[in-house]
């Protein structure tokens, strides 16, 4: 069933991983090292949220016997897990680590543009 070709969510995670150092260097060049680290943290938040989706997608691909009810429950659970992880990491970065909010959010938004990789790239190209 799973042929090993990258799925759309896998391409997104890969693109986000490639964007991480770009966001850090760009943020550091424009506004300093602190902003670069904050932007890197924002991209890593998006990468972590996407990694949960990739993990659950691979889990469901590995179980072709699961019916639509179980997959619907998994779909809802993944949404809750991703939202919880997003909020938790944002609270950690903004509240505990005291990172600058604008670079964190800009890094997060920049990483979300990696979803375009799922649309434009076919078969991992």
PDB file of N, CA and C in Angstrom:
ATOM      1  N   UNK A   1       0.816  -1.192   0.000  1.00  0.00           N
ATOM      2  CA  UNK A   1       0.000   0.000   0.000  1.00  0.00           C
ATOM      3  C   UNK A   1       0.861   1.257   0.000  1.00  0.00           C
ATOM      4  N   UNK A   2       1.827   1.347   0.917  1.00  0.00           N
ATOM      5  CA  UNK A   2       2.716   2.504   0.944  1.00  0.00           C
ATOM      6  C   UNK A   2       3.933   2.179   0.097  1.00  0.00           C
ATOM      7  N   UNK A   3       4.092   2.900  -0.994  1.00  0.00           N
ATOM      8  CA  UNK A   3       5.143   2.579  -1.956  1.00  0.00           C
ATOM      9  C   UNK A   3       6.464   3.256  -1.637  1.00  0.00           C
ATOM     10  N   UNK A   4       6.479   4.110  -0.635  1.00  0.00           N
ATOM     11  CA  UNK A   4       7.715   4.794  -0.308  1.00  0.00           C
ATOM     12  C   UNK A   4       7.836   6.167  -0.939  1.00  0.00           C
ATOM     13  N   UNK A   5       6.902   6.536  -1.816  1.00  0.00           N
ATOM     14  CA  UNK A   5       6.954   7.876  -2.389  1.00  0.00           C
ATOM     15  C   UNK A   5       6.478   8.869  -1.341  1.00  0.00           C
ATOM     16  N   UNK A   6       7.093  10.032  -1.312  1.00  0.00           N
ATOM     17  CA  UNK A   6       6.722  11.017  -0.296  1.00  0.00           C
ATOM     18  C   UNK A   6       5.289  11.511  -0.473  1.00  0.00           C
ATOM     19  N   UNK A   7       4.588  11.613   0.636  1.00  0.00           N
ATOM     20  CA  UNK A   7       3.244  12.162   0.609  1.00  0.00           C
ATOM     21  C   UNK A   7       3.324  13.685   0.665  1.00  0.00           C
ATOM     22  N   UNK A   8       2.192  14.335   0.515  1.00  0.00           N
ATOM     23  CA  UNK A   8       2.156  15.794   0.577  1.00  0.00           C
ATOM     24  C   UNK A   8       2.620  16.315   1.922  1.00  0.00           C
ATOM     25  N   UNK A   9       2.187  15.668   3.002  1.00  0.00           N
ATOM     26  CA  UNK A   9       2.602  16.143   4.325  1.00  0.00           C
ATOM     27  C   UNK A   9       4.090  15.909   4.564  1.00  0.00           C
ATOM     28  N   UNK A  10       4.628  14.850   3.986  1.00  0.00           N
ATOM     29  CA  UNK A  10       6.072  14.614   4.110  1.00  0.00           C
ATOM     30  C   UNK A  10       6.845  15.702   3.360  1.00  0.00           C
ATOM     31  N   UNK A  11       6.362  16.097   2.181  1.00  0.00           N
ATOM     32  CA  UNK A  11       7.021  17.179   1.438  1.00  0.00           C
ATOM     33  C   UNK A  11       6.953  18.489   2.210  1.00  0.00           C
ATOM     34  N   UNK A  12       5.849  18.721   2.897  1.00  0.00           N
ATOM     35  CA  UNK A  12       5.714  19.930   3.714  1.00  0.00           C
ATOM     36  C   UNK A  12       6.745  19.918   4.836  1.00  0.00           C
ATOM     37  N   UNK A  13       6.846  18.813   5.548  1.00  0.00           N
ATOM     38  CA  UNK A  13       7.807  18.720   6.650  1.00  0.00           C
ATOM     39  C   UNK A  13       9.236  18.892   6.150  1.00  0.00           C
ATOM     40  N   UNK A  14       9.528  18.302   5.003  1.00  0.00           N
ATOM     41  CA  UNK A  14      10.874  18.438   4.435  1.00  0.00           C
ATOM     42  C   UNK A  14      11.160  19.888   4.044  1.00  0.00           C
ATOM     43  N   UNK A  15      10.184  20.554   3.445  1.00  0.00           N
ATOM     44  CA  UNK A  15      10.362  21.962   3.068  1.00  0.00           C
ATOM     45  C   UNK A  15      10.515  22.840   4.308  1.00  0.00           C
ATOM     46  N   UNK A  16       9.769  22.536   5.360  1.00  0.00           N
ATOM     47  CA  UNK A  16       9.899  23.309   6.591  1.00  0.00           C
ATOM     48  C   UNK A  16      11.270  23.104   7.223  1.00  0.00           C
ATOM     49  N   UNK A  17      11.783  21.899   7.163  1.00  0.00           N
ATOM     50  CA  UNK A  17      13.120  21.638   7.699  1.00  0.00           C
ATOM     51  C   UNK A  17      14.176  22.415   6.917  1.00  0.00           C
ATOM     52  N   UNK A  18      13.974  22.554   5.608  1.00  0.00           N
ATOM     53  CA  UNK A  18      14.908  23.333   4.799  1.00  0.00           C
ATOM     54  C   UNK A  18      14.770  24.831   5.037  1.00  0.00           C
ATOM     55  N   UNK A  19      13.575  25.272   5.433  1.00  0.00           N
ATOM     56  CA  UNK A  19      13.348  26.692   5.699  1.00  0.00           C
ATOM     57  C   UNK A  19      13.926  27.140   7.039  1.00  0.00           C
ATOM     58  N   UNK A  20      14.139  26.220   7.960  1.00  0.00           N
ATOM     59  CA  UNK A  20      14.594  26.578   9.302  1.00  0.00           C
ATOM     60  C   UNK A  20      15.900  27.378   9.299  1.00  0.00           C
ATOM     61  N   UNK A  21      16.966  26.882   8.670  1.00  0.00           N
ATOM     62  CA  UNK A  21      18.192  27.691   8.687  1.00  0.00           C
ATOM     63  C   UNK A  21      18.061  28.985   7.881  1.00  0.00           C
ATOM     64  N   UNK A  22      17.246  28.965   6.840  1.00  0.00           N
ATOM     65  CA  UNK A  22      17.032  30.183   6.047  1.00  0.00           C
ATOM     66  C   UNK A  22      16.378  31.258   6.905  1.00  0.00           C
ATOM     67  N   UNK A  23      15.342  30.874   7.661  1.00  0.00           N
ATOM     68  CA  UNK A  23      14.652  31.829   8.531  1.00  0.00           C
ATOM     69  C   UNK A  23      15.592  32.356   9.612  1.00  0.00           C
ATOM     70  N   UNK A  24      16.414  31.476  10.169  1.00  0.00           N
ATOM     71  CA  UNK A  24      17.351  31.904  11.214  1.00  0.00           C
ATOM     72  C   UNK A  24      18.372  32.893  10.672  1.00  0.00           C
ATOM     73  N   UNK A  25      18.938  32.580   9.522  1.00  0.00           N
ATOM     74  CA  UNK A  25      19.938  33.483   8.942  1.00  0.00           C
ATOM     75  C   UNK A  25      19.328  34.802   8.497  1.00  0.00           C
ATOM     76  N   UNK A  26      18.147  34.740   7.906  1.00  0.00           N
ATOM     77  CA  UNK A  26      17.469  35.950   7.463  1.00  0.00           C
ATOM     78  C   UNK A  26      17.094  36.834   8.651  1.00  0.00           C
ATOM     79  N   UNK A  27      16.546  36.220   9.694  1.00  0.00           N
ATOM     80  CA  UNK A  27      16.195  36.988  10.895  1.00  0.00           C
ATOM     81  C   UNK A  27      17.411  37.584  11.570  1.00  0.00           C
ATOM     82  N   UNK A  28      18.500  36.830  11.625  1.00  0.00           N
ATOM     83  CA  UNK A  28      19.722  37.345  12.242  1.00  0.00           C
ATOM     84  C   UNK A  28      20.324  38.472  11.413  1.00  0.00           C
ATOM     85  N   UNK A  29      20.248  38.366  10.098  1.00  0.00           N
ATOM     86  CA  UNK A  29      20.810  39.409   9.239  1.00  0.00           C
ATOM     87  C   UNK A  29      19.996  40.699   9.315  1.00  0.00           C
ATOM     88  N   UNK A  30      18.693  40.578   9.456  1.00  0.00           N
ATOM     89  CA  UNK A  30      17.833  41.762   9.454  1.00  0.00           C
ATOM     90  C   UNK A  30      17.751  42.409  10.834  1.00  0.00           C
ATOM     91  N   UNK A  31      17.540  41.593  11.875  1.00  0.00           N
ATOM     92  CA  UNK A  31      17.257  42.188  13.184  1.00  0.00           C
ATOM     93  C   UNK A  31      18.144  41.684  14.321  1.00  0.00           C
ATOM     94  N   UNK A  32      19.156  40.904  14.035  1.00  0.00           N
ATOM     95  CA  UNK A  32      20.050  40.448  15.088  1.00  0.00           C
ATOM     96  C   UNK A  32      19.874  38.978  15.422  1.00  0.00           C
ATOM     97  N   UNK A  33      20.784  38.495  16.236  1.00  0.00           N
ATOM     98  CA  UNK A  33      20.828  37.073  16.572  1.00  0.00           C
ATOM     99  C   UNK A  33      19.577  36.640  17.336  1.00  0.00           C
ATOM    100  N   UNK A  34      19.094  37.468  18.245  1.00  0.00           N
ATOM    101  CA  UNK A  34      17.897  37.126  19.015  1.00  0.00           C
ATOM    102  C   UNK A  34      16.687  36.919  18.116  1.00  0.00           C
ATOM    103  N   UNK A  35      16.535  37.791  17.129  1.00  0.00           N
ATOM    104  CA  UNK A  35      15.421  37.663  16.189  1.00  0.00           C
ATOM    105  C   UNK A  35      15.601  36.423  15.311  1.00  0.00           C
ATOM    106  N   UNK A  36      16.845  36.120  14.955  1.00  0.00           N
ATOM    107  CA  UNK A  36      17.107  34.924  14.163  1.00  0.00           C
ATOM    108  C   UNK A  36      16.743  33.653  14.911  1.00  0.00           C
ATOM    109  N   UNK A  37      17.097  33.617  16.192  1.00  0.00           N
ATOM    110  CA  UNK A  37      16.736  32.454  17.004  1.00  0.00           C
ATOM    111  C   UNK A  37      15.225  32.355  17.190  1.00  0.00           C
ATOM    112  N   UNK A  38      14.571  33.504  17.346  1.00  0.00           N
ATOM    113  CA  UNK A  38      13.113  33.496  17.495  1.00  0.00           C
ATOM    114  C   UNK A  38      12.440  33.013  16.214  1.00  0.00           C
ATOM    115  N   UNK A  39      12.939  33.455  15.065  1.00  0.00           N
ATOM    116  CA  UNK A  39      12.379  33.000  13.792  1.00  0.00           C
ATOM    117  C   UNK A  39      12.619  31.499  13.595  1.00  0.00           C
ATOM    118  N   UNK A  40      13.795  31.052  13.981  1.00  0.00           N
ATOM    119  CA  UNK A  40      14.093  29.615  13.921  1.00  0.00           C
ATOM    120  C   UNK A  40      13.127  28.831  14.799  1.00  0.00           C
ATOM    121  N   UNK A  41      12.850  29.344  15.973  1.00  0.00           N
ATOM    122  CA  UNK A  41      11.914  28.680  16.878  1.00  0.00           C
ATOM    123  C   UNK A  41      10.518  28.619  16.259  1.00  0.00           C
ATOM    124  N   UNK A  42      10.101  29.674  15.596  1.00  0.00           N
ATOM    125  CA  UNK A  42       8.799  29.677  14.931  1.00  0.00           C
ATOM    126  C   UNK A  42       8.706  28.616  13.847  1.00  0.00           C
ATOM    127  N   UNK A  43       9.765  28.490  13.053  1.00  0.00           N
ATOM    128  CA  UNK A  43       9.782  27.457  12.007  1.00  0.00           C
ATOM    129  C   UNK A  43       9.787  26.069  12.638  1.00  0.00           C
ATOM    130  N   UNK A  44      10.511  25.896  13.729  1.00  0.00           N
ATOM    131  CA  UNK A  44      10.561  24.599  14.391  1.00  0.00           C
ATOM    132  C   UNK A  44       9.211  24.229  15.010  1.00  0.00           C
ATOM    133  N   UNK A  45       8.441  25.224  15.442  1.00  0.00           N
ATOM    134  CA  UNK A  45       7.090  24.955  15.925  1.00  0.00           C
ATOM    135  C   UNK A  45       6.258  24.365  14.790  1.00  0.00           C
ATOM    136  N   UNK A  46       6.295  25.027  13.634  1.00  0.00           N
ATOM    137  CA  UNK A  46       5.525  24.536  12.483  1.00  0.00           C
ATOM    138  C   UNK A  46       5.997  23.142  12.070  1.00  0.00           C
ATOM    139  N   UNK A  47       7.293  22.904  12.125  1.00  0.00           N
ATOM    140  CA  UNK A  47       7.840  21.596  11.779  1.00  0.00           C
ATOM    141  C   UNK A  47       7.351  20.527  12.758  1.00  0.00           C
ATOM    142  N   UNK A  48       7.318  20.844  14.038  1.00  0.00           N
ATOM    143  CA  UNK A  48       6.835  19.878  15.037  1.00  0.00           C
ATOM    144  C   UNK A  48       5.363  19.544  14.816  1.00  0.00           C
ATOM    145  N   UNK A  49       4.566  20.558  14.499  1.00  0.00           N
ATOM    146  CA  UNK A  49       3.137  20.333  14.251  1.00  0.00           C
ATOM    147  C   UNK A  49       2.954  19.478  12.994  1.00  0.00           C
ATOM    148  N   UNK A  50       3.744  19.742  11.972  1.00  0.00           N
ATOM    149  CA  UNK A  50       3.665  18.936  10.750  1.00  0.00           C
ATOM    150  C   UNK A  50       4.168  17.519  10.983  1.00  0.00           C
ATOM    151  N   UNK A  51       5.168  17.366  11.848  1.00  0.00           N
ATOM    152  CA  UNK A  51       5.702  16.038  12.141  1.00  0.00           C
ATOM    153  C   UNK A  51       4.652  15.150  12.808  1.00  0.00           C
ATOM    154  N   UNK A  52       3.806  15.738  13.643  1.00  0.00           N
ATOM    155  CA  UNK A  52       2.716  14.961  14.247  1.00  0.00           C
ATOM    156  C   UNK A  52       1.776  14.463  13.151  1.00  0.00           C
ATOM    157  N   UNK A  53       1.485  15.320  12.186  1.00  0.00           N
ATOM    158  CA  UNK A  53       0.604  14.926  11.091  1.00  0.00           C
ATOM    159  C   UNK A  53       1.234  13.824  10.243  1.00  0.00           C
ATOM    160  N   UNK A  54       2.521  13.934   9.954  1.00  0.00           N
ATOM    161  CA  UNK A  54       3.222  12.901   9.181  1.00  0.00           C
ATOM    162  C   UNK A  54       3.215  11.578   9.940  1.00  0.00           C
ATOM    163  N   UNK A  55       3.467  11.641  11.240  1.00  0.00           N
ATOM    164  CA  UNK A  55       3.488  10.439  12.071  1.00  0.00           C
ATOM    165  C   UNK A  55       2.139   9.732  12.041  1.00  0.00           C
ATOM    166  N   UNK A  56       1.066  10.476  12.236  1.00  0.00           N
ATOM    167  CA  UNK A  56      -0.262   9.878  12.243  1.00  0.00           C
ATOM    168  C   UNK A  56      -0.675   9.407  10.845  1.00  0.00           C
ATOM    169  N   UNK A  57      -0.226  10.120   9.819  1.00  0.00           N
ATOM    170  CA  UNK A  57      -0.526   9.685   8.456  1.00  0.00           C
ATOM    171  C   UNK A  57       0.141   8.350   8.166  1.00  0.00           C
ATOM    172  N   UNK A  58       1.392   8.236   8.527  1.00  0.00           N
ATOM    173  CA  UNK A  58       2.106   6.966   8.317  1.00  0.00           C
ATOM    174  C   UNK A  58       1.491   5.840   9.134  1.00  0.00           C
ATOM    175  N   UNK A  59       1.024   6.188  10.319  1.00  0.00           N
ATOM    176  CA  UNK A  59       0.363   5.199  11.160  1.00  0.00           C
ATOM    177  C   UNK A  59      -0.904   4.686  10.479  1.00  0.00           C
ATOM    178  N   UNK A  60      -1.686   5.570   9.909  1.00  0.00           N
ATOM    179  CA  UNK A  60      -2.928   5.149   9.260  1.00  0.00           C
ATOM    180  C   UNK A  60      -2.656   4.413   7.948  1.00  0.00           C
ATOM    181  N   UNK A  61      -1.606   4.794   7.233  1.00  0.00           N
ATOM    182  CA  UNK A  61      -1.252   4.088   6.001  1.00  0.00           C
ATOM    183  C   UNK A  61      -0.850   2.645   6.313  1.00  0.00           C
ATOM    184  N   UNK A  62      -0.222   2.445   7.446  1.00  0.00           N
ATOM    185  CA  UNK A  62       0.218   1.115   7.836  1.00  0.00           C
ATOM    186  C   UNK A  62      -0.908   0.200   8.295  1.00  0.00           C
ATOM    187  N   UNK A  63      -2.118   0.734   8.409  1.00  0.00           N
ATOM    188  CA  UNK A  63      -3.259  -0.066   8.872  1.00  0.00           C
ATOM    189  C   UNK A  63      -4.408   0.043   7.879  1.00  0.00           C
ATOM    190  N   UNK A  64      -4.334  -0.670   6.766  1.00  0.00           N
ATOM    191  CA  UNK A  64      -5.411  -0.582   5.777  1.00  0.00           C
ATOM    192  C   UNK A  64      -6.735  -1.175   6.279  1.00  0.00           C
ATOM    193  N   UNK A  65      -6.684  -1.912   7.374  1.00  0.00           N
ATOM    194  CA  UNK A  65      -7.912  -2.523   7.890  1.00  0.00           C
ATOM    195  C   UNK A  65      -8.772  -1.544   8.703  1.00  0.00           C
ATOM    196  N   UNK A  66      -8.236  -0.372   9.025  1.00  0.00           N
ATOM    197  CA  UNK A  66      -9.004   0.590   9.795  1.00  0.00           C
ATOM    198  C   UNK A  66     -10.196   1.085   8.976  1.00  0.00           C
ATOM    199  N   UNK A  67     -11.348   1.142   9.602  1.00  0.00           N
ATOM    200  CA  UNK A  67     -12.549   1.615   8.910  1.00  0.00           C
ATOM    201  C   UNK A  67     -12.662   3.142   9.024  1.00  0.00           C
ATOM    202  N   UNK A  68     -13.680   3.691   8.357  1.00  0.00           N
ATOM    203  CA  UNK A  68     -13.823   5.139   8.300  1.00  0.00           C
ATOM    204  C   UNK A  68     -14.119   5.743   9.676  1.00  0.00           C
ATOM    205  N   UNK A  69     -14.752   4.989  10.563  1.00  0.00           N
ATOM    206  CA  UNK A  69     -15.036   5.521  11.899  1.00  0.00           C
ATOM    207  C   UNK A  69     -13.758   5.689  12.709  1.00  0.00           C
ATOM    208  N   UNK A  70     -12.885   4.703  12.610  1.00  0.00           N
ATOM    209  CA  UNK A  70     -11.610   4.810  13.325  1.00  0.00           C
ATOM    210  C   UNK A  70     -10.748   5.927  12.730  1.00  0.00           C
ATOM    211  N   UNK A  71     -10.762   6.064  11.418  1.00  0.00           N
ATOM    212  CA  UNK A  71      -9.987   7.125  10.779  1.00  0.00           C
ATOM    213  C   UNK A  71     -10.546   8.505  11.119  1.00  0.00           C
ATOM    214  N   UNK A  72     -11.875   8.616  11.249  1.00  0.00           N
ATOM    215  CA  UNK A  72     -12.466   9.893  11.646  1.00  0.00           C
ATOM    216  C   UNK A  72     -12.049  10.255  13.063  1.00  0.00           C
ATOM    217  N   UNK A  73     -12.044   9.268  13.967  1.00  0.00           N
ATOM    218  CA  UNK A  73     -11.577   9.521  15.333  1.00  0.00           C
ATOM    219  C   UNK A  73     -10.115   9.951  15.340  1.00  0.00           C
ATOM    220  N   UNK A  74      -9.304   9.305  14.503  1.00  0.00           N
ATOM    221  CA  UNK A  74      -7.899   9.671  14.410  1.00  0.00           C
ATOM    222  C   UNK A  74      -7.746  11.076  13.857  1.00  0.00           C
ATOM    223  N   UNK A  75      -8.558  11.424  12.870  1.00  0.00           N
ATOM    224  CA  UNK A  75      -8.526  12.760  12.282  1.00  0.00           C
ATOM    225  C   UNK A  75      -8.821  13.833  13.332  1.00  0.00           C
ATOM    226  N   UNK A  76      -9.835  13.593  14.144  1.00  0.00           N
ATOM    227  CA  UNK A  76     -10.180  14.553  15.203  1.00  0.00           C
ATOM    228  C   UNK A  76      -9.080  14.597  16.252  1.00  0.00           C
ATOM    229  N   UNK A  77      -8.551  13.438  16.615  1.00  0.00           N
ATOM    230  CA  UNK A  77      -7.481  13.387  17.616  1.00  0.00           C
ATOM    231  C   UNK A  77      -6.231  14.122  17.136  1.00  0.00           C
ATOM    232  N   UNK A  78      -5.892  13.942  15.879  1.00  0.00           N
ATOM    233  CA  UNK A  78      -4.707  14.615  15.331  1.00  0.00           C
ATOM    234  C   UNK A  78      -4.893  16.130  15.349  1.00  0.00           C
ATOM    235  N   UNK A  79      -6.087  16.584  15.033  1.00  0.00           N
ATOM    236  CA  UNK A  79      -6.356  18.023  15.090  1.00  0.00           C
ATOM    237  C   UNK A  79      -6.161  18.581  16.492  1.00  0.00           C
ATOM    238  N   UNK A  80      -6.648  17.847  17.487  1.00  0.00           N
ATOM    239  CA  UNK A  80      -6.493  18.279  18.877  1.00  0.00           C
ATOM    240  C   UNK A  80      -5.033  18.223  19.298  1.00  0.00           C
ATOM    241  N   UNK A  81      -4.339  17.156  18.910  1.00  0.00           N
ATOM    242  CA  UNK A  81      -2.907  17.037  19.247  1.00  0.00           C
ATOM    243  C   UNK A  81      -2.103  18.174  18.638  1.00  0.00           C
ATOM    244  N   UNK A  82      -2.370  18.482  17.383  1.00  0.00           N
ATOM    245  CA  UNK A  82      -1.613  19.545  16.710  1.00  0.00           C
ATOM    246  C   UNK A  82      -1.895  20.903  17.333  1.00  0.00           C
ATOM    247  N   UNK A  83      -3.147  21.182  17.645  1.00  0.00           N
ATOM    248  CA  UNK A  83      -3.491  22.458  18.267  1.00  0.00           C
ATOM    249  C   UNK A  83      -2.870  22.575  19.651  1.00  0.00           C
ATOM    250  N   UNK A  84      -2.925  21.501  20.426  1.00  0.00           N
ATOM    251  CA  UNK A  84      -2.329  21.502  21.760  1.00  0.00           C
ATOM    252  C   UNK A  84      -0.819  21.717  21.683  1.00  0.00           C
ATOM    253  N   UNK A  85      -0.172  21.034  20.760  1.00  0.00           N
ATOM    254  CA  UNK A  85       1.270  21.195  20.594  1.00  0.00           C
ATOM    255  C   UNK A  85       1.618  22.616  20.167  1.00  0.00           C
ATOM    256  N   UNK A  86       0.862  23.174  19.231  1.00  0.00           N
ATOM    257  CA  UNK A  86       1.092  24.540  18.768  1.00  0.00           C
ATOM    258  C   UNK A  86       0.978  25.533  19.912  1.00  0.00           C
ATOM    259  N   UNK A  87      -0.105  25.460  20.659  1.00  0.00           N
ATOM    260  CA  UNK A  87      -0.307  26.394  21.767  1.00  0.00           C
ATOM    261  C   UNK A  87       0.762  26.195  22.838  1.00  0.00           C
ATOM    262  N   UNK A  88       1.059  24.947  23.158  1.00  0.00           N
ATOM    263  CA  UNK A  88       2.082  24.672  24.170  1.00  0.00           C
ATOM    264  C   UNK A  88       3.449  25.210  23.785  1.00  0.00           C
ATOM    265  N   UNK A  89       3.845  25.015  22.537  1.00  0.00           N
ATOM    266  CA  UNK A  89       5.157  25.516  22.103  1.00  0.00           C
ATOM    267  C   UNK A  89       5.178  27.039  21.999  1.00  0.00           C
ATOM    268  N   UNK A  90       4.062  27.635  21.605  1.00  0.00           N
ATOM    269  CA  UNK A  90       4.001  29.097  21.596  1.00  0.00           C
ATOM    270  C   UNK A  90       4.093  29.666  23.011  1.00  0.00           C
ATOM    271  N   UNK A  91       3.404  29.048  23.968  1.00  0.00           N
ATOM    272  CA  UNK A  91       3.488  29.485  25.365  1.00  0.00           C
ATOM    273  C   UNK A  91       4.917  29.322  25.877  1.00  0.00           C
ATOM    274  N   UNK A  92       5.548  28.211  25.530  1.00  0.00           N
ATOM    275  CA  UNK A  92       6.933  27.989  25.946  1.00  0.00           C
ATOM    276  C   UNK A  92       7.858  29.056  25.374  1.00  0.00           C
ATOM    277  N   UNK A  93       7.736  29.314  24.068  1.00  0.00           N
ATOM    278  CA  UNK A  93       8.634  30.278  23.430  1.00  0.00           C
ATOM    279  C   UNK A  93       8.395  31.708  23.844  1.00  0.00           C
ATOM    280  N   UNK A  94       7.129  32.108  23.909  1.00  0.00           N
ATOM    281  CA  UNK A  94       6.818  33.500  24.225  1.00  0.00           C
ATOM    282  C   UNK A  94       6.803  33.768  25.725  1.00  0.00           C
ATOM    283  N   UNK A  95       6.307  32.813  26.509  1.00  0.00           N
ATOM    284  CA  UNK A  95       6.175  33.034  27.946  1.00  0.00           C
ATOM    285  C   UNK A  95       7.401  32.635  28.745  1.00  0.00           C
ATOM    286  N   UNK A  96       7.897  31.437  28.507  1.00  0.00           N
ATOM    287  CA  UNK A  96       9.002  30.918  29.315  1.00  0.00           C
ATOM    288  C   UNK A  96      10.355  31.391  28.779  1.00  0.00           C
ATOM    289  N   UNK A  97      10.562  31.218  27.485  1.00  0.00           N
ATOM    290  CA  UNK A  97      11.854  31.586  26.896  1.00  0.00           C
ATOM    291  C   UNK A  97      11.971  33.074  26.597  1.00  0.00           C
ATOM    292  N   UNK A  98      10.851  33.790  26.640  1.00  0.00           N
ATOM    293  CA  UNK A  98      10.797  35.242  26.407  1.00  0.00           C
ATOM    294  C   UNK A  98      11.378  35.637  25.049  1.00  0.00           C
ATOM    295  N   UNK A  99      11.028  34.875  24.023  1.00  0.00           N
ATOM    296  CA  UNK A  99      11.462  35.216  22.671  1.00  0.00           C
ATOM    297  C   UNK A  99      10.610  36.362  22.138  1.00  0.00           C
ATOM    298  N   UNK A 100      11.154  37.102  21.208  1.00  0.00           N
ATOM    299  CA  UNK A 100      10.427  38.218  20.601  1.00  0.00           C
ATOM    300  C   UNK A 100       9.235  37.669  19.813  1.00  0.00           C
ATOM    301  N   UNK A 101       8.039  38.189  20.067  1.00  0.00           N
ATOM    302  CA  UNK A 101       6.846  37.616  19.448  1.00  0.00           C
ATOM    303  C   UNK A 101       6.802  37.744  17.925  1.00  0.00           C
ATOM    304  N   UNK A 102       7.174  38.885  17.384  1.00  0.00           N
ATOM    305  CA  UNK A 102       7.061  39.087  15.942  1.00  0.00           C
ATOM    306  C   UNK A 102       7.927  38.111  15.145  1.00  0.00           C
ATOM    307  N   UNK A 103       9.213  37.946  15.478  1.00  0.00           N
ATOM    308  CA  UNK A 103       9.998  36.961  14.715  1.00  0.00           C
ATOM    309  C   UNK A 103       9.498  35.530  14.870  1.00  0.00           C
ATOM    310  N   UNK A 104       8.998  35.167  16.056  1.00  0.00           N
ATOM    311  CA  UNK A 104       8.466  33.815  16.247  1.00  0.00           C
ATOM    312  C   UNK A 104       7.280  33.603  15.314  1.00  0.00           C
ATOM    313  N   UNK A 105       6.364  34.561  15.302  1.00  0.00           N
ATOM    314  CA  UNK A 105       5.174  34.423  14.467  1.00  0.00           C
ATOM    315  C   UNK A 105       5.511  34.513  12.979  1.00  0.00           C
ATOM    316  N   UNK A 106       6.480  35.349  12.625  1.00  0.00           N
ATOM    317  CA  UNK A 106       6.903  35.418  11.219  1.00  0.00           C
ATOM    318  C   UNK A 106       7.538  34.106  10.770  1.00  0.00           C
ATOM    319  N   UNK A 107       8.338  33.492  11.626  1.00  0.00           N
ATOM    320  CA  UNK A 107       8.918  32.190  11.303  1.00  0.00           C
ATOM    321  C   UNK A 107       7.843  31.126  11.154  1.00  0.00           C
ATOM    322  N   UNK A 108       6.840  31.182  12.018  1.00  0.00           N
ATOM    323  CA  UNK A 108       5.724  30.242  11.944  1.00  0.00           C
ATOM    324  C   UNK A 108       4.942  30.418  10.649  1.00  0.00           C
ATOM    325  N   UNK A 109       4.658  31.661  10.299  1.00  0.00           N
ATOM    326  CA  UNK A 109       3.912  31.938   9.063  1.00  0.00           C
ATOM    327  C   UNK A 109       4.745  31.571   7.837  1.00  0.00           C
ATOM    328  N   UNK A 110       6.034  31.894   7.859  1.00  0.00           N
ATOM    329  CA  UNK A 110       6.910  31.541   6.739  1.00  0.00           C
ATOM    330  C   UNK A 110       6.916  30.034   6.529  1.00  0.00           C
ATOM    331  N   UNK A 111       6.972  29.286   7.612  1.00  0.00           N
ATOM    332  CA  UNK A 111       6.996  27.828   7.497  1.00  0.00           C
ATOM    333  C   UNK A 111       5.675  27.279   6.977  1.00  0.00           C
ATOM    334  N   UNK A 112       4.585  27.979   7.217  1.00  0.00           N
ATOM    335  CA  UNK A 112       3.295  27.518   6.711  1.00  0.00           C
ATOM    336  C   UNK A 112       3.221  27.630   5.195  1.00  0.00           C
ATOM    337  N   UNK A 113       4.038  28.484   4.613  1.00  0.00           N
ATOM    338  CA  UNK A 113       4.088  28.559   3.154  1.00  0.00           C
ATOM    339  C   UNK A 113       4.667  27.282   2.547  1.00  0.00           C
ATOM    340  N   UNK A 114       5.255  26.431   3.373  1.00  0.00           N
ATOM    341  CA  UNK A 114       5.764  25.156   2.875  1.00  0.00           C
ATOM    342  C   UNK A 114       4.626  24.253   2.406  1.00  0.00           C
ATOM    343  N   UNK A 115       3.392  24.571   2.812  1.00  0.00           N
ATOM    344  CA  UNK A 115       2.261  23.790   2.320  1.00  0.00           C
ATOM    345  C   UNK A 115       2.110  23.948   0.823  1.00  0.00           C
ATOM    346  N   UNK A 116       2.690  24.996   0.255  1.00  0.00           N
ATOM    347  CA  UNK A 116       2.701  25.135  -1.200  1.00  0.00           C
ATOM    348  C   UNK A 116       3.529  24.024  -1.852  1.00  0.00           C
ATOM    349  N   UNK A 117       4.486  23.481  -1.103  1.00  0.00           N
ATOM    350  CA  UNK A 117       5.293  22.370  -1.633  1.00  0.00           C
ATOM    351  C   UNK A 117       4.433  21.144  -1.896  1.00  0.00           C
ATOM    352  N   UNK A 118       3.395  20.973  -1.095  1.00  0.00           N
ATOM    353  CA  UNK A 118       2.503  19.825  -1.302  1.00  0.00           C
ATOM    354  C   UNK A 118       1.676  20.004  -2.566  1.00  0.00           C
ATOM    355  N   UNK A 119       1.414  21.235  -2.935  1.00  0.00           N
ATOM    356  CA  UNK A 119       0.599  21.513  -4.113  1.00  0.00           C
ATOM    357  C   UNK A 119       1.437  21.491  -5.383  1.00  0.00           C
ATOM    358  N   UNK A 120       2.603  22.109  -5.338  1.00  0.00           N
ATOM    359  CA  UNK A 120       3.421  22.261  -6.543  1.00  0.00           C
ATOM    360  C   UNK A 120       4.268  21.047  -6.851  1.00  0.00           C
ATOM    361  N   UNK A 121       4.741  20.338  -5.823  1.00  0.00           N
ATOM    362  CA  UNK A 121       5.645  19.210  -6.062  1.00  0.00           C
ATOM    363  C   UNK A 121       4.899  17.910  -6.159  1.00  0.00           C
ATOM    364  N   UNK A 122       5.127  17.186  -7.227  1.00  0.00           N
ATOM    365  CA  UNK A 122       4.552  15.851  -7.372  1.00  0.00           C
ATOM    366  C   UNK A 122       5.687  14.836  -7.332  1.00  0.00           C
ATOM    367  N   UNK A 123       5.443  13.757  -6.613  1.00  0.00           N
ATOM    368  CA  UNK A 123       6.428  12.668  -6.482  1.00  0.00           C
ATOM    369  C   UNK A 123       7.733  13.155  -5.898  1.00  0.00           C
ATOM    370  N   UNK A 124       7.668  14.124  -4.974  1.00  0.00           N
ATOM    371  CA  UNK A 124       8.873  14.579  -4.281  1.00  0.00           C
ATOM    372  C   UNK A 124       9.783  15.451  -5.081  1.00  0.00           C
ATOM    373  N   UNK A 125       9.347  15.914  -6.268  1.00  0.00           N
ATOM    374  CA  UNK A 125      10.221  16.746  -7.103  1.00  0.00           C
ATOM    375  C   UNK A 125       9.997  18.198  -6.813  1.00  0.00           C
TER     376      UNK A 125
END
